[in-house]
């Protein structure tokens, strides 16, 4: 039986309880209406922020407690990332998918420890990675788990302050039997464009969603926020609730054209 597309969405970072639960409740309602599972993603720490003074999150202890509450009270499965091998055991207690950040996608020990946890693994493809290097990262995880391992496309560095998405990478990885997810928001970034943070043009998120559907990507990843312009990280590229529904429709119509529009509205 063909697997249904994996949908991952949520705020970039845990800012506070109110924003976290407002987003989770929106996604749960959307999931119920579409009759499609949405995995809730939020980071307890953003250890790779551009500036030392950028908001990083609430930390692992508070973050795991809040994500556990989202799981129990809202009823969503959880995706969150790890930055050190010592975090994997704690994170595996709440996360259904452990995510490897793009900047750490060559860290062998981190990938192996995450794979050994027994959870599904999502490796964000580094902006510096060739298709072959992404395959090698996947193989690191695959050697230590029989669970699902995903590679997420999130753009490739182009000069000093831009990203491009080379869809040949996805074609190559899918030809190797790998489930590839399209990150439609980080792919819109322009790294270090602003004085102390990344900028971006999220209008391209909708184009990326359409292409991901047309090419048969295994899933869609998007950062979603109640008020993106107020977000403490990735404010230029996070999607509002309405914007996310529009992008999701553009992706899902390739999988279920008869019913997508009535579900995600």
C-alpha atoms as a PDB file:
ATOM      1  CA  UNK A   1       0.000   0.000   0.000  1.00  0.00           C
ATOM      2  CA  UNK A   2       1.331   3.435  -0.939  1.00  0.00           C
ATOM      3  CA  UNK A   3       2.166   5.615   2.043  1.00  0.00           C
ATOM      4  CA  UNK A   4       0.299   8.854   2.505  1.00  0.00           C
ATOM      5  CA  UNK A   5       2.351  12.070   2.341  1.00  0.00           C
ATOM      6  CA  UNK A   6       4.048  12.994   5.601  1.00  0.00           C
ATOM      7  CA  UNK A   7       3.062  16.468   6.765  1.00  0.00           C
ATOM      8  CA  UNK A   8       5.328  18.269   9.253  1.00  0.00           C
ATOM      9  CA  UNK A   9       4.441  21.762  10.453  1.00  0.00           C
ATOM     10  CA  UNK A  10       4.820  24.077  13.412  1.00  0.00           C
ATOM     11  CA  UNK A  11       6.680  27.148  14.670  1.00  0.00           C
ATOM     12  CA  UNK A  12      10.422  27.429  14.147  1.00  0.00           C
ATOM     13  CA  UNK A  13      11.173  27.552  17.863  1.00  0.00           C
ATOM     14  CA  UNK A  14       9.212  27.301  21.110  1.00  0.00           C
ATOM     15  CA  UNK A  15       8.728  30.951  22.002  1.00  0.00           C
ATOM     16  CA  UNK A  16       6.102  30.600  24.728  1.00  0.00           C
ATOM     17  CA  UNK A  17       3.238  28.361  25.753  1.00  0.00           C
ATOM     18  CA  UNK A  18       0.499  30.509  24.157  1.00  0.00           C
ATOM     19  CA  UNK A  19       2.012  30.568  20.671  1.00  0.00           C
ATOM     20  CA  UNK A  20       2.912  26.888  20.853  1.00  0.00           C
ATOM     21  CA  UNK A  21      -0.578  25.719  21.751  1.00  0.00           C
ATOM     22  CA  UNK A  22      -2.357  28.125  19.411  1.00  0.00           C
ATOM     23  CA  UNK A  23      -0.377  26.667  16.515  1.00  0.00           C
ATOM     24  CA  UNK A  24      -0.815  23.078  17.697  1.00  0.00           C
ATOM     25  CA  UNK A  25      -4.580  23.464  18.054  1.00  0.00           C
ATOM     26  CA  UNK A  26      -4.843  24.974  14.572  1.00  0.00           C
ATOM     27  CA  UNK A  27      -2.872  22.085  13.088  1.00  0.00           C
ATOM     28  CA  UNK A  28      -4.911  19.506  15.002  1.00  0.00           C
ATOM     29  CA  UNK A  29      -8.153  21.015  13.681  1.00  0.00           C
ATOM     30  CA  UNK A  30      -6.753  21.043  10.169  1.00  0.00           C
ATOM     31  CA  UNK A  31      -5.577  17.454  10.529  1.00  0.00           C
ATOM     32  CA  UNK A  32      -9.017  16.313  11.683  1.00  0.00           C
ATOM     33  CA  UNK A  33     -10.806  18.109   8.833  1.00  0.00           C
ATOM     34  CA  UNK A  34      -8.428  16.721   6.203  1.00  0.00           C
ATOM     35  CA  UNK A  35      -8.342  13.288   7.795  1.00  0.00           C
ATOM     36  CA  UNK A  36      -4.568  13.447   7.333  1.00  0.00           C
ATOM     37  CA  UNK A  37      -2.023  13.214  10.119  1.00  0.00           C
ATOM     38  CA  UNK A  38       0.071  16.306  10.753  1.00  0.00           C
ATOM     39  CA  UNK A  39       3.246  15.952  12.807  1.00  0.00           C
ATOM     40  CA  UNK A  40       3.897  18.943  15.059  1.00  0.00           C
ATOM     41  CA  UNK A  41       7.378  20.407  14.824  1.00  0.00           C
ATOM     42  CA  UNK A  42       8.996  22.939  17.132  1.00  0.00           C
ATOM     43  CA  UNK A  43      12.555  23.339  18.405  1.00  0.00           C
ATOM     44  CA  UNK A  44      13.406  23.703  22.094  1.00  0.00           C
ATOM     45  CA  UNK A  45      16.759  25.211  21.101  1.00  0.00           C
ATOM     46  CA  UNK A  46      18.091  26.811  17.929  1.00  0.00           C
ATOM     47  CA  UNK A  47      21.792  26.299  18.466  1.00  0.00           C
ATOM     48  CA  UNK A  48      22.726  27.544  14.983  1.00  0.00           C
ATOM     49  CA  UNK A  49      21.297  31.080  15.080  1.00  0.00           C
ATOM     50  CA  UNK A  50      23.173  33.670  13.026  1.00  0.00           C
ATOM     51  CA  UNK A  51      23.883  35.956  15.979  1.00  0.00           C
ATOM     52  CA  UNK A  52      24.870  35.254  19.577  1.00  0.00           C
ATOM     53  CA  UNK A  53      22.008  37.537  20.630  1.00  0.00           C
ATOM     54  CA  UNK A  54      19.213  35.846  18.651  1.00  0.00           C
ATOM     55  CA  UNK A  55      16.407  34.027  20.473  1.00  0.00           C
ATOM     56  CA  UNK A  56      17.253  30.348  20.897  1.00  0.00           C
ATOM     57  CA  UNK A  57      14.235  28.864  22.671  1.00  0.00           C
ATOM     58  CA  UNK A  58      13.240  27.600  26.109  1.00  0.00           C
ATOM     59  CA  UNK A  59      15.858  24.877  26.540  1.00  0.00           C
ATOM     60  CA  UNK A  60      15.586  21.104  26.580  1.00  0.00           C
ATOM     61  CA  UNK A  61      13.904  20.628  29.975  1.00  0.00           C
ATOM     62  CA  UNK A  62      11.056  23.107  29.444  1.00  0.00           C
ATOM     63  CA  UNK A  63      10.870  22.232  25.752  1.00  0.00           C
ATOM     64  CA  UNK A  64      10.316  18.537  26.318  1.00  0.00           C
ATOM     65  CA  UNK A  65       7.703  19.270  28.983  1.00  0.00           C
ATOM     66  CA  UNK A  66       5.772  21.542  26.607  1.00  0.00           C
ATOM     67  CA  UNK A  67       6.029  19.167  23.649  1.00  0.00           C
ATOM     68  CA  UNK A  68       4.856  16.329  25.869  1.00  0.00           C
ATOM     69  CA  UNK A  69       1.822  18.450  26.779  1.00  0.00           C
ATOM     70  CA  UNK A  70       1.085  19.074  23.105  1.00  0.00           C
ATOM     71  CA  UNK A  71       1.186  15.327  22.502  1.00  0.00           C
ATOM     72  CA  UNK A  72      -1.099  14.483  25.421  1.00  0.00           C
ATOM     73  CA  UNK A  73      -3.557  17.399  25.390  1.00  0.00           C
ATOM     74  CA  UNK A  74      -3.762  18.275  21.690  1.00  0.00           C
ATOM     75  CA  UNK A  75      -3.124  14.806  20.286  1.00  0.00           C
ATOM     76  CA  UNK A  76      -0.376  15.461  17.750  1.00  0.00           C
ATOM     77  CA  UNK A  77       2.743  13.412  17.132  1.00  0.00           C
ATOM     78  CA  UNK A  78       5.980  15.306  17.648  1.00  0.00           C
ATOM     79  CA  UNK A  79       9.052  16.229  15.620  1.00  0.00           C
ATOM     80  CA  UNK A  80      11.963  18.061  17.211  1.00  0.00           C
ATOM     81  CA  UNK A  81      15.677  18.336  16.618  1.00  0.00           C
ATOM     82  CA  UNK A  82      18.792  17.438  18.544  1.00  0.00           C
ATOM     83  CA  UNK A  83      22.179  19.142  18.504  1.00  0.00           C
ATOM     84  CA  UNK A  84      24.211  16.849  20.738  1.00  0.00           C
ATOM     85  CA  UNK A  85      24.329  13.094  21.276  1.00  0.00           C
ATOM     86  CA  UNK A  86      23.510  13.629  24.957  1.00  0.00           C
ATOM     87  CA  UNK A  87      20.088  15.042  24.009  1.00  0.00           C
ATOM     88  CA  UNK A  88      18.893  12.023  22.051  1.00  0.00           C
ATOM     89  CA  UNK A  89      17.693   9.866  24.954  1.00  0.00           C
ATOM     90  CA  UNK A  90      15.591  12.656  26.475  1.00  0.00           C
ATOM     91  CA  UNK A  91      14.158  13.739  23.132  1.00  0.00           C
ATOM     92  CA  UNK A  92      13.253  10.172  22.162  1.00  0.00           C
ATOM     93  CA  UNK A  93      10.862  10.069  25.134  1.00  0.00           C
ATOM     94  CA  UNK A  94       8.557  12.597  23.446  1.00  0.00           C
ATOM     95  CA  UNK A  95       9.480  12.732  19.744  1.00  0.00           C
ATOM     96  CA  UNK A  96       8.111  10.372  17.105  1.00  0.00           C
ATOM     97  CA  UNK A  97      10.625  11.773  14.621  1.00  0.00           C
ATOM     98  CA  UNK A  98      14.059  12.970  15.702  1.00  0.00           C
ATOM     99  CA  UNK A  99      15.362  15.628  13.370  1.00  0.00           C
ATOM    100  CA  UNK A 100      19.010  16.275  12.490  1.00  0.00           C
ATOM    101  CA  UNK A 101      19.531  19.987  11.719  1.00  0.00           C
ATOM    102  CA  UNK A 102      20.975  20.894   8.329  1.00  0.00           C
ATOM    103  CA  UNK A 103      24.166  22.331   9.753  1.00  0.00           C
ATOM    104  CA  UNK A 104      24.776  19.044  11.614  1.00  0.00           C
ATOM    105  CA  UNK A 105      23.885  16.676   8.800  1.00  0.00           C
ATOM    106  CA  UNK A 106      27.447  15.361   8.514  1.00  0.00           C
ATOM    107  CA  UNK A 107      27.815  14.666  12.245  1.00  0.00           C
ATOM    108  CA  UNK A 108      28.157  10.903  12.210  1.00  0.00           C
ATOM    109  CA  UNK A 109      27.874  10.328  15.962  1.00  0.00           C
ATOM    110  CA  UNK A 110      24.711  12.431  16.172  1.00  0.00           C
ATOM    111  CA  UNK A 111      23.003  10.625  13.284  1.00  0.00           C
ATOM    112  CA  UNK A 112      23.980   7.188  14.600  1.00  0.00           C
ATOM    113  CA  UNK A 113      22.814   7.945  18.150  1.00  0.00           C
ATOM    114  CA  UNK A 114      19.491   9.256  16.846  1.00  0.00           C
ATOM    115  CA  UNK A 115      19.045   6.162  14.657  1.00  0.00           C
ATOM    116  CA  UNK A 116      19.737   3.875  17.609  1.00  0.00           C
ATOM    117  CA  UNK A 117      16.909   5.528  19.565  1.00  0.00           C
ATOM    118  CA  UNK A 118      14.312   3.542  17.621  1.00  0.00           C
ATOM    119  CA  UNK A 119      12.517   6.685  16.451  1.00  0.00           C
ATOM    120  CA  UNK A 120      12.019   7.760  12.855  1.00  0.00           C
ATOM    121  CA  UNK A 121      14.798  10.054  11.642  1.00  0.00           C
ATOM    122  CA  UNK A 122      14.548  13.196   9.509  1.00  0.00           C
ATOM    123  CA  UNK A 123      17.879  14.466   8.214  1.00  0.00           C
ATOM    124  CA  UNK A 124      17.718  18.043   6.962  1.00  0.00           C
ATOM    125  CA  UNK A 125      20.040  18.111   3.957  1.00  0.00           C
ATOM    126  CA  UNK A 126      22.880  20.542   4.589  1.00  0.00           C
ATOM    127  CA  UNK A 127      22.998  23.612   2.386  1.00  0.00           C
ATOM    128  CA  UNK A 128      26.520  22.503   1.483  1.00  0.00           C
ATOM    129  CA  UNK A 129      25.658  18.910   0.538  1.00  0.00           C
ATOM    130  CA  UNK A 130      25.767  17.302  -2.872  1.00  0.00           C
ATOM    131  CA  UNK A 131      23.187  14.601  -3.684  1.00  0.00           C
ATOM    132  CA  UNK A 132      25.842  11.900  -3.091  1.00  0.00           C
ATOM    133  CA  UNK A 133      26.745  13.376   0.307  1.00  0.00           C
ATOM    134  CA  UNK A 134      23.068  13.400   1.282  1.00  0.00           C
ATOM    135  CA  UNK A 135      22.874   9.718   0.337  1.00  0.00           C
ATOM    136  CA  UNK A 136      25.888   8.975   2.546  1.00  0.00           C
ATOM    137  CA  UNK A 137      24.229  10.767   5.480  1.00  0.00           C
ATOM    138  CA  UNK A 138      21.128   8.647   4.933  1.00  0.00           C
ATOM    139  CA  UNK A 139      23.208   5.482   4.935  1.00  0.00           C
ATOM    140  CA  UNK A 140      24.691   6.400   8.322  1.00  0.00           C
ATOM    141  CA  UNK A 141      21.199   6.305   9.826  1.00  0.00           C
ATOM    142  CA  UNK A 142      19.954   3.345   7.806  1.00  0.00           C
ATOM    143  CA  UNK A 143      22.751   1.108   9.118  1.00  0.00           C
ATOM    144  CA  UNK A 144      21.445   1.505  12.688  1.00  0.00           C
ATOM    145  CA  UNK A 145      17.656   1.466  12.282  1.00  0.00           C
ATOM    146  CA  UNK A 146      14.921  -0.387  10.446  1.00  0.00           C
ATOM    147  CA  UNK A 147      12.568   2.526  11.023  1.00  0.00           C
ATOM    148  CA  UNK A 148      11.773   5.187   8.426  1.00  0.00           C
ATOM    149  CA  UNK A 149      14.543   7.643   7.553  1.00  0.00           C
ATOM    150  CA  UNK A 150      13.774  10.808   5.597  1.00  0.00           C
ATOM    151  CA  UNK A 151      15.951  13.365   3.826  1.00  0.00           C
ATOM    152  CA  UNK A 152      14.525  16.871   3.743  1.00  0.00           C
ATOM    153  CA  UNK A 153      15.446  19.236   0.920  1.00  0.00           C
ATOM    154  CA  UNK A 154      15.910  22.816   2.148  1.00  0.00           C
ATOM    155  CA  UNK A 155      17.979  24.494  -0.540  1.00  0.00           C
ATOM    156  CA  UNK A 156      21.654  24.742  -1.451  1.00  0.00           C
ATOM    157  CA  UNK A 157      23.968  27.657  -0.716  1.00  0.00           C
ATOM    158  CA  UNK A 158      24.268  30.049  -3.641  1.00  0.00           C
ATOM    159  CA  UNK A 159      26.877  32.711  -3.003  1.00  0.00           C
ATOM    160  CA  UNK A 160      26.879  34.287   0.445  1.00  0.00           C
ATOM    161  CA  UNK A 161      23.265  35.262   0.976  1.00  0.00           C
ATOM    162  CA  UNK A 162      20.926  33.103  -1.052  1.00  0.00           C
ATOM    163  CA  UNK A 163      19.712  29.543  -1.538  1.00  0.00           C
ATOM    164  CA  UNK A 164      18.579  27.662  -4.612  1.00  0.00           C
ATOM    165  CA  UNK A 165      16.609  24.426  -4.799  1.00  0.00           C
ATOM    166  CA  UNK A 166      18.064  21.928  -7.253  1.00  0.00           C
ATOM    167  CA  UNK A 167      15.320  19.374  -7.767  1.00  0.00           C
ATOM    168  CA  UNK A 168      17.788  17.001  -9.413  1.00  0.00           C
ATOM    169  CA  UNK A 169      18.881  16.162  -5.864  1.00  0.00           C
ATOM    170  CA  UNK A 170      15.422  14.845  -5.004  1.00  0.00           C
ATOM    171  CA  UNK A 171      15.210  12.891  -8.234  1.00  0.00           C
ATOM    172  CA  UNK A 172      18.538  11.221  -7.442  1.00  0.00           C
ATOM    173  CA  UNK A 173      17.640  10.417  -3.827  1.00  0.00           C
ATOM    174  CA  UNK A 174      14.196   9.086  -4.735  1.00  0.00           C
ATOM    175  CA  UNK A 175      15.818   6.857  -7.369  1.00  0.00           C
ATOM    176  CA  UNK A 176      17.734   5.289  -4.472  1.00  0.00           C
ATOM    177  CA  UNK A 177      14.481   4.450  -2.695  1.00  0.00           C
ATOM    178  CA  UNK A 178      14.745   7.303  -0.179  1.00  0.00           C
ATOM    179  CA  UNK A 179      11.696   9.161   1.120  1.00  0.00           C
ATOM    180  CA  UNK A 180      12.349  12.858   0.413  1.00  0.00           C
ATOM    181  CA  UNK A 181      10.484  15.696   2.112  1.00  0.00           C
ATOM    182  CA  UNK A 182      10.287  19.242   0.749  1.00  0.00           C
ATOM    183  CA  UNK A 183      10.907  22.055   3.222  1.00  0.00           C
ATOM    184  CA  UNK A 184       9.027  24.902   1.595  1.00  0.00           C
ATOM    185  CA  UNK A 185       9.949  27.608   4.120  1.00  0.00           C
ATOM    186  CA  UNK A 186      13.668  27.259   4.886  1.00  0.00           C
ATOM    187  CA  UNK A 187      14.204  26.950   1.135  1.00  0.00           C
ATOM    188  CA  UNK A 188      12.951  30.540   0.822  1.00  0.00           C
ATOM    189  CA  UNK A 189      15.612  31.930   3.141  1.00  0.00           C
ATOM    190  CA  UNK A 190      18.345  34.365   2.278  1.00  0.00           C
ATOM    191  CA  UNK A 191      20.971  33.598   4.936  1.00  0.00           C
ATOM    192  CA  UNK A 192      22.415  36.566   6.852  1.00  0.00           C
ATOM    193  CA  UNK A 193      20.578  38.960   4.518  1.00  0.00           C
ATOM    194  CA  UNK A 194      19.551  41.181   7.397  1.00  0.00           C
ATOM    195  CA  UNK A 195      22.009  42.757   9.806  1.00  0.00           C
ATOM    196  CA  UNK A 196      21.991  39.955  12.398  1.00  0.00           C
ATOM    197  CA  UNK A 197      19.600  37.380  10.974  1.00  0.00           C
ATOM    198  CA  UNK A 198      18.368  35.622   7.852  1.00  0.00           C
ATOM    199  CA  UNK A 199      15.787  37.139   5.545  1.00  0.00           C
ATOM    200  CA  UNK A 200      13.873  35.523   2.733  1.00  0.00           C
ATOM    201  CA  UNK A 201      10.985  35.595   0.263  1.00  0.00           C
ATOM    202  CA  UNK A 202       8.241  33.234   1.366  1.00  0.00           C
ATOM    203  CA  UNK A 203       6.183  33.815  -1.781  1.00  0.00           C
ATOM    204  CA  UNK A 204       8.241  30.998  -3.291  1.00  0.00           C
ATOM    205  CA  UNK A 205       6.908  28.546  -0.691  1.00  0.00           C
ATOM    206  CA  UNK A 206       3.769  28.095  -2.786  1.00  0.00           C
ATOM    207  CA  UNK A 207       5.801  27.315  -5.908  1.00  0.00           C
ATOM    208  CA  UNK A 208       7.894  24.793  -3.982  1.00  0.00           C
ATOM    209  CA  UNK A 209       4.702  23.139  -2.672  1.00  0.00           C
ATOM    210  CA  UNK A 210       3.362  22.708  -6.201  1.00  0.00           C
ATOM    211  CA  UNK A 211       6.624  21.284  -7.506  1.00  0.00           C
ATOM    212  CA  UNK A 212       6.891  18.912  -4.528  1.00  0.00           C
ATOM    213  CA  UNK A 213       3.432  17.565  -5.311  1.00  0.00           C
ATOM    214  CA  UNK A 214       4.143  17.225  -9.016  1.00  0.00           C
ATOM    215  CA  UNK A 215       7.400  15.351  -8.420  1.00  0.00           C
ATOM    216  CA  UNK A 216       5.898  13.074  -5.795  1.00  0.00           C
ATOM    217  CA  UNK A 217       7.859  14.149  -2.741  1.00  0.00           C
ATOM    218  CA  UNK A 218       7.043  11.912   0.231  1.00  0.00           C
ATOM    219  CA  UNK A 219       6.156  14.823   2.478  1.00  0.00           C
ATOM    220  CA  UNK A 220       5.927  18.545   3.070  1.00  0.00           C
ATOM    221  CA  UNK A 221       7.670  20.496   5.832  1.00  0.00           C
ATOM    222  CA  UNK A 222       6.655  24.058   6.704  1.00  0.00           C
ATOM    223  CA  UNK A 223       7.213  26.436   9.579  1.00  0.00           C
ATOM    224  CA  UNK A 224       3.894  27.925  10.652  1.00  0.00           C
ATOM    225  CA  UNK A 225       3.204  30.752  13.105  1.00  0.00           C
ATOM    226  CA  UNK A 226       0.064  32.648  14.197  1.00  0.00           C
ATOM    227  CA  UNK A 227       1.778  36.001  13.471  1.00  0.00           C
ATOM    228  CA  UNK A 228       4.908  35.380  11.369  1.00  0.00           C
ATOM    229  CA  UNK A 229       5.997  39.021  11.368  1.00  0.00           C
ATOM    230  CA  UNK A 230       6.208  38.846  15.184  1.00  0.00           C
ATOM    231  CA  UNK A 231       8.091  35.537  15.245  1.00  0.00           C
ATOM    232  CA  UNK A 232      11.343  35.498  17.205  1.00  0.00           C
ATOM    233  CA  UNK A 233      13.087  33.488  14.477  1.00  0.00           C
ATOM    234  CA  UNK A 234      12.609  33.026  10.720  1.00  0.00           C
ATOM    235  CA  UNK A 235      10.007  35.793  10.669  1.00  0.00           C
ATOM    236  CA  UNK A 236      10.572  36.410   6.950  1.00  0.00           C
ATOM    237  CA  UNK A 237       9.740  32.867   5.893  1.00  0.00           C
ATOM    238  CA  UNK A 238       7.278  31.348   8.383  1.00  0.00           C
ATOM    239  CA  UNK A 239       3.739  30.963   7.023  1.00  0.00           C
ATOM    240  CA  UNK A 240       0.535  32.231   8.583  1.00  0.00           C
ATOM    241  CA  UNK A 241      -2.269  29.738   9.143  1.00  0.00           C
ATOM    242  CA  UNK A 242      -4.038  30.816   5.940  1.00  0.00           C
ATOM    243  CA  UNK A 243      -0.808  30.746   3.939  1.00  0.00           C
ATOM    244  CA  UNK A 244      -0.054  27.238   5.142  1.00  0.00           C
ATOM    245  CA  UNK A 245      -3.489  25.997   4.088  1.00  0.00           C
ATOM    246  CA  UNK A 246      -2.950  27.471   0.621  1.00  0.00           C
ATOM    247  CA  UNK A 247       0.466  25.836   0.260  1.00  0.00           C
ATOM    248  CA  UNK A 248      -0.835  22.524   1.595  1.00  0.00           C
ATOM    249  CA  UNK A 249      -3.668  22.508  -0.928  1.00  0.00           C
ATOM    250  CA  UNK A 250      -1.174  23.149  -3.726  1.00  0.00           C
ATOM    251  CA  UNK A 251       0.817  20.082  -2.629  1.00  0.00           C
ATOM    252  CA  UNK A 252      -2.004  17.688  -1.782  1.00  0.00           C
ATOM    253  CA  UNK A 253      -3.975  18.188  -4.982  1.00  0.00           C
ATOM    254  CA  UNK A 254      -1.458  15.922  -6.708  1.00  0.00           C
ATOM    255  CA  UNK A 255      -2.298  13.100  -4.295  1.00  0.00           C
ATOM    256  CA  UNK A 256      -6.043  13.497  -3.786  1.00  0.00           C
ATOM    257  CA  UNK A 257      -7.424  15.931  -6.379  1.00  0.00           C
ATOM    258  CA  UNK A 258     -11.041  15.066  -5.667  1.00  0.00           C
ATOM    259  CA  UNK A 259     -11.091  16.083  -2.034  1.00  0.00           C
ATOM    260  CA  UNK A 260      -8.118  18.282  -1.159  1.00  0.00           C
ATOM    261  CA  UNK A 261      -9.884  21.627  -1.416  1.00  0.00           C
ATOM    262  CA  UNK A 262     -12.690  20.769   0.964  1.00  0.00           C
ATOM    263  CA  UNK A 263     -10.355  19.499   3.674  1.00  0.00           C
ATOM    264  CA  UNK A 264      -7.823  22.278   4.051  1.00  0.00           C
ATOM    265  CA  UNK A 265     -10.092  25.277   4.190  1.00  0.00           C
END
